[in-house]
Protein backbone atom coordinates (compact mmCIF):
# COMPACT_ATOMS: atom_id res chain seq x y z
CA MET A 1 -21.71 8.43 7.22
CA ALA A 2 -17.77 8.15 6.76
CA ILE A 3 -14.57 8.86 8.29
CA ILE A 4 -12.96 11.52 5.98
CA LEU A 5 -9.35 13.06 6.39
CA ARG A 6 -8.99 16.27 4.01
CA GLU A 7 -5.44 17.36 3.59
CA ALA A 8 -4.95 15.84 7.06
CA GLY A 9 -1.44 16.00 8.27
CA TYR A 10 0.61 15.53 11.63
CA THR A 11 4.14 16.82 12.58
CA TYR A 12 5.61 15.54 16.10
CA PRO A 13 6.79 18.22 18.34
CA ASP A 14 10.25 17.15 17.49
CA GLY A 15 9.80 18.73 13.90
CA SER A 16 9.31 15.44 12.44
CA GLU A 17 6.57 15.36 9.51
CA ALA A 18 4.74 11.78 9.97
CA VAL A 19 1.72 12.63 7.74
CA ARG A 20 2.02 15.05 5.11
CA SER A 21 -1.23 15.78 3.27
CA VAL A 22 -3.97 12.86 3.16
CA ASP A 23 -6.73 12.76 1.43
CA LEU A 24 -9.20 9.44 2.54
CA HIS A 25 -12.53 8.37 2.73
CA VAL A 26 -13.85 5.18 4.86
CA ASP A 27 -17.36 4.25 4.29
CA ASP A 28 -19.67 2.45 6.52
CA GLY A 29 -19.06 -1.51 6.50
CA GLU A 30 -15.84 -1.17 4.35
CA ARG A 31 -12.84 -3.41 4.61
CA LEU A 32 -9.65 -1.08 4.13
CA ALA A 33 -6.01 -2.45 4.82
CA ILE A 34 -3.40 0.18 4.95
CA VAL A 35 0.28 -1.04 4.13
CA GLY A 36 3.74 0.40 3.95
CA GLN A 37 7.07 -0.04 5.99
CA ASN A 38 7.59 1.33 9.05
CA GLY A 39 7.68 5.04 9.21
CA ALA A 40 5.42 5.43 6.53
CA GLY A 41 2.97 7.13 8.43
CA LYS A 42 0.53 4.65 8.77
CA THR A 43 -0.05 4.64 12.35
CA THR A 44 -0.07 8.22 12.88
CA MET A 45 -2.81 8.46 10.31
CA VAL A 46 -5.37 6.00 12.01
CA LYS A 47 -4.73 7.62 15.37
CA MET A 48 -5.88 10.83 13.57
CA MET A 49 -9.00 8.73 13.06
CA ASN A 50 -9.92 8.14 16.58
CA GLY A 51 -8.88 11.12 18.32
CA LEU A 52 -5.53 9.78 19.86
CA LEU A 53 -3.74 12.35 17.53
CA GLU A 54 -5.16 15.83 16.69
CA PRO A 55 -4.13 16.93 12.88
CA THR A 56 -1.73 19.73 12.81
CA ARG A 57 -3.00 20.60 9.61
CA GLY A 58 -6.04 19.71 7.44
CA GLU A 59 -9.11 18.15 9.24
CA VAL A 60 -10.71 14.82 10.02
CA LEU A 61 -14.14 14.35 10.08
CA VAL A 62 -15.94 11.36 11.94
CA ASP A 63 -19.51 11.05 10.68
CA GLY A 64 -19.66 14.67 9.63
CA SER A 65 -18.16 16.11 13.13
CA THR A 66 -14.61 17.46 13.45
CA THR A 67 -12.14 15.57 15.84
CA ARG A 68 -10.88 18.79 16.90
CA GLY A 69 -11.51 19.74 20.39
CA ARG A 70 -12.82 16.45 21.28
CA THR A 71 -11.72 14.09 23.80
CA THR A 72 -10.35 10.72 22.61
CA ALA A 73 -13.01 8.82 25.00
CA SER A 74 -15.89 10.63 23.13
CA ILE A 75 -14.79 9.63 19.87
CA ALA A 76 -13.85 6.15 20.77
CA LYS A 77 -17.39 5.50 21.13
CA THR A 78 -17.61 5.63 17.18
CA VAL A 79 -14.18 4.99 16.28
CA GLY A 80 -12.55 1.92 18.04
CA TYR A 81 -9.06 1.30 18.33
CA VAL A 82 -6.88 -2.21 19.21
CA PHE A 83 -3.65 -1.85 19.85
CA GLN A 84 -0.95 -3.96 18.14
CA ASN A 85 0.10 -5.17 21.81
CA PRO A 86 -3.00 -6.30 23.94
CA ASP A 87 -0.82 -5.29 27.17
CA ASP A 88 -1.13 -1.82 26.20
CA GLN A 89 -4.56 -1.87 26.33
CA VAL A 90 -6.17 -4.68 28.91
CA PHE A 91 -5.63 -3.85 32.57
CA ASN A 92 -8.53 -5.18 34.60
CA ARG A 93 -8.47 -8.07 36.75
CA ASP A 94 -10.89 -10.40 34.75
CA VAL A 95 -12.13 -10.54 31.31
CA ARG A 96 -15.60 -9.91 32.49
CA THR A 97 -14.42 -6.50 34.00
CA GLU A 98 -12.28 -5.55 31.15
CA LEU A 99 -15.26 -5.74 28.91
CA GLU A 100 -17.50 -4.06 31.26
CA PHE A 101 -15.14 -0.90 31.46
CA MET A 102 -16.41 0.98 28.59
CA PRO A 103 -20.41 0.28 29.15
CA ARG A 104 -19.60 1.38 32.82
CA TYR A 105 -17.93 4.61 31.78
CA HIS A 106 -20.67 5.35 29.43
CA GLY A 107 -23.28 4.59 31.89
CA TRP A 108 -25.29 1.93 30.47
CA ASP A 109 -27.87 -0.11 32.28
CA GLU A 110 -27.08 -3.41 33.69
CA ARG A 111 -28.89 -5.26 30.96
CA LYS A 112 -27.47 -3.42 28.15
CA ARG A 113 -24.28 -3.91 29.61
CA ALA A 114 -24.66 -7.63 29.91
CA GLU A 115 -25.93 -8.10 26.60
CA ARG A 116 -23.04 -6.46 24.69
CA VAL A 117 -20.88 -8.22 26.65
CA GLU A 118 -22.07 -11.34 25.86
CA ARG A 119 -22.27 -10.70 22.27
CA ALA A 120 -18.79 -9.21 22.02
CA ALA A 121 -17.41 -12.16 23.76
CA ALA A 122 -18.96 -14.51 21.53
CA LEU A 123 -17.69 -12.80 18.57
CA ALA A 124 -14.22 -12.90 19.58
CA GLY A 125 -14.66 -16.37 20.61
CA ILE A 126 -13.67 -15.61 24.51
CA SER A 127 -17.02 -16.32 26.23
CA ARG A 128 -15.23 -19.12 28.19
CA HIS A 129 -12.41 -16.90 29.61
CA LEU A 130 -14.86 -14.11 31.23
CA ASP A 131 -13.88 -14.89 34.60
CA THR A 132 -10.24 -15.53 33.90
CA ASN A 133 -7.50 -12.88 34.61
CA PRO A 134 -6.16 -11.79 31.32
CA LYS A 135 -2.75 -12.19 32.19
CA ASP A 136 -3.30 -16.01 32.43
CA LEU A 137 -4.62 -16.27 28.89
CA PRO A 138 -2.02 -16.98 25.96
CA PHE A 139 -1.04 -13.79 23.97
CA ALA A 140 -3.27 -14.71 21.04
CA THR A 141 -6.37 -14.76 23.22
CA ARG A 142 -5.13 -11.78 24.79
CA LYS A 143 -5.32 -9.75 21.63
CA PHE A 144 -9.21 -11.06 21.23
CA VAL A 145 -9.89 -9.64 24.71
CA ALA A 146 -8.57 -6.59 23.65
CA ILE A 147 -10.82 -6.82 20.41
CA ALA A 148 -13.83 -7.59 22.28
CA ALA A 149 -13.26 -4.62 24.79
CA VAL A 150 -13.51 -2.38 21.74
CA LEU A 151 -16.30 -4.21 20.17
CA VAL A 152 -18.65 -4.18 23.30
CA GLY A 153 -19.16 -0.70 22.41
CA GLU A 154 -21.54 0.38 19.45
CA CYS A 155 -18.55 1.93 16.93
CA GLY A 156 -19.14 1.95 13.43
CA TYR A 157 -15.54 1.70 12.82
CA VAL A 158 -12.94 -0.55 14.08
CA ILE A 159 -9.19 0.28 13.51
CA LEU A 160 -7.19 -3.09 14.11
CA ASP A 161 -3.04 -2.39 14.42
CA GLU A 162 -1.42 -5.55 13.34
CA PRO A 163 -4.23 -8.22 14.37
CA THR A 164 -2.50 -11.41 12.76
CA ALA A 165 0.68 -11.00 14.78
CA GLY A 166 1.25 -14.13 16.98
CA LEU A 167 -2.04 -15.98 15.55
CA ASP A 168 -1.99 -19.50 14.40
CA VAL A 169 -4.42 -20.91 11.91
CA VAL A 170 -6.96 -21.15 14.34
CA GLY A 171 -6.71 -17.55 15.59
CA LEU A 172 -6.83 -16.22 11.88
CA SER A 173 -9.88 -18.34 10.89
CA LEU A 174 -11.72 -16.76 14.21
CA LEU A 175 -10.45 -13.31 13.01
CA ASN A 176 -11.93 -13.60 9.67
CA ARG A 177 -15.19 -14.67 10.63
CA MET A 178 -15.43 -11.74 13.05
CA ILE A 179 -14.44 -9.49 10.33
CA ASP A 180 -17.12 -11.00 8.24
CA GLN A 181 -19.70 -10.21 10.90
CA LEU A 182 -18.89 -6.59 11.36
CA GLU A 183 -19.15 -6.19 7.73
CA ALA A 184 -22.57 -7.69 8.06
CA ASP A 185 -23.45 -5.26 10.76
CA GLY A 186 -22.02 -2.44 8.74
CA VAL A 187 -19.17 -1.66 10.41
CA ALA A 188 -16.17 -0.73 8.69
CA VAL A 189 -12.74 -2.52 9.52
CA VAL A 190 -9.64 -0.70 9.15
CA THR A 191 -6.37 -2.60 9.57
CA ILE A 192 -2.57 -1.53 9.81
CA THR A 193 -0.55 -4.87 8.69
CA HIS A 194 2.29 -6.29 7.30
CA ASP A 195 0.65 -9.28 6.48
CA MET A 196 0.19 -9.38 2.75
CA ARG A 197 -1.64 -12.63 2.50
CA PHE A 198 -4.19 -11.33 5.09
CA VAL A 199 -4.87 -8.23 3.15
CA VAL A 200 -5.45 -10.19 0.03
CA GLU A 201 -7.68 -12.96 1.53
CA SER A 202 -9.68 -10.57 3.71
CA PHE A 203 -9.77 -6.75 2.44
CA SER A 204 -11.16 -5.50 -0.53
CA ARG A 205 -9.21 -2.08 -0.72
CA VAL A 206 -5.77 -1.22 -0.10
CA VAL A 207 -4.09 2.17 0.66
CA ALA A 208 -0.44 2.05 0.40
CA MET A 209 1.63 4.63 2.11
CA ALA A 210 5.29 5.95 1.80
CA ASP A 211 7.09 8.84 3.37
CA GLY A 212 3.85 10.18 5.20
CA ASN A 213 1.86 10.17 1.97
CA VAL A 214 -0.61 7.86 0.30
CA VAL A 215 0.93 6.53 -2.66
CA ALA A 216 -2.03 4.17 -3.73
CA ASP A 217 -5.56 3.53 -3.15
CA GLY A 218 -7.73 0.87 -4.79
CA GLY A 219 -8.43 -2.69 -5.03
CA CYS A 220 -5.84 -5.43 -3.95
CA ALA A 221 -5.26 -6.50 -7.69
CA GLU A 222 -4.79 -2.89 -9.00
CA VAL A 223 -2.43 -2.21 -5.94
CA PHE A 224 -0.34 -5.59 -5.87
CA SER A 225 -0.17 -5.46 -9.68
CA ASP A 226 1.62 -2.25 -9.82
CA ASP A 227 5.46 -2.55 -9.37
CA ALA A 228 6.22 1.07 -9.29
CA VAL A 229 3.55 1.71 -6.14
CA LEU A 230 5.33 -1.74 -4.44
CA ALA A 231 8.83 -0.37 -4.76
CA GLU A 232 7.75 3.08 -3.61
CA ALA A 233 5.90 1.66 -0.61
CA ARG A 234 8.55 -1.14 -0.16
CA ILE A 235 6.30 -3.82 0.02
CA LYS A 236 6.04 -7.35 -1.67
CA ARG A 237 3.27 -9.27 -3.15
CA PRO A 238 1.79 -12.33 -1.45
CA GLU A 239 3.97 -15.15 -2.23
CA VAL A 240 1.24 -17.03 -4.11
CA ALA A 241 0.84 -13.66 -6.32
CA GLN A 242 4.59 -13.69 -7.19
CA LEU A 243 4.73 -17.20 -7.87
CA ALA A 244 1.87 -16.87 -10.23
CA ARG A 245 3.89 -14.08 -11.79
CA ASP A 246 6.73 -15.98 -12.07
CA LEU A 247 5.06 -19.09 -13.68
CA GLY A 248 3.68 -16.73 -16.18
CA LEU A 249 0.24 -18.16 -15.06
CA SER A 250 -1.22 -14.43 -14.29
CA SER A 251 -0.30 -11.03 -13.36
CA THR A 252 -3.50 -10.10 -11.23
CA ALA A 253 -4.11 -13.66 -9.12
CA LEU A 254 -3.51 -13.09 -5.70
CA THR A 255 -4.54 -15.99 -3.68
CA ILE A 256 -4.56 -19.82 -3.94
CA ARG A 257 -8.41 -19.78 -5.06
CA ASP A 258 -7.26 -17.40 -8.07
CA VAL A 259 -4.28 -19.65 -9.13
CA ALA A 260 -5.72 -22.97 -8.84
CA PRO A 261 -8.06 -23.05 -11.91
CA LEU A 262 -4.75 -21.67 -14.01
CA ILE A 263 -2.83 -24.81 -13.25
CA PRO A 264 -2.74 -27.01 -16.09
């Protein structure tokens, strides 16, 4: 099972071409980071994956079925999308009601609903906030409420838009544990991010975009060692990786764990 984009592109009604012609394959349980500058087409591309946008050319298949003619709600059962700003997504009077929204919409029985809400809340670290109004929670915690509201479903793919924005070290640790568990459960995690340290520490595959095209698709070491790709996508190496290069220690080391054994 997979999300497959075949020569998929999208042109907005004003004529601006956001995604040109993309071929992409996202497998079960995969951890994929999509990087590139603002305007590269990242958000438009992932919105085609869950039906928020329908491709204007080519096609998008989710587990073998085209997204054309389907509602976003029907696709969201399989492909969950977490917005960058939780205030664009969270709207109920308390966290429990927020997490119950999708199960109630799909008519789940009370037992299943309670089990899924409890599991999603625990996974997102918000169990103690279930009776709290989301507006009374810090921004970072509201982000995890938004994530839990998606995880409460039984989706096989989760898209996270800039998930590290506004998170401290504790939040980053929780986010990574959650991604680890999703991978163990066979759920694919796709992220859009400008946080290159997050990419190299948490994802095994990187897709770099520029001007509506995919300009690189490979492992972290492969993508971040390619100067031409970095220049075209207008992204930088993580600071540790650049330091390792500048010191002549390694051209492929990406994290502290990679660099530490190389220091005399």
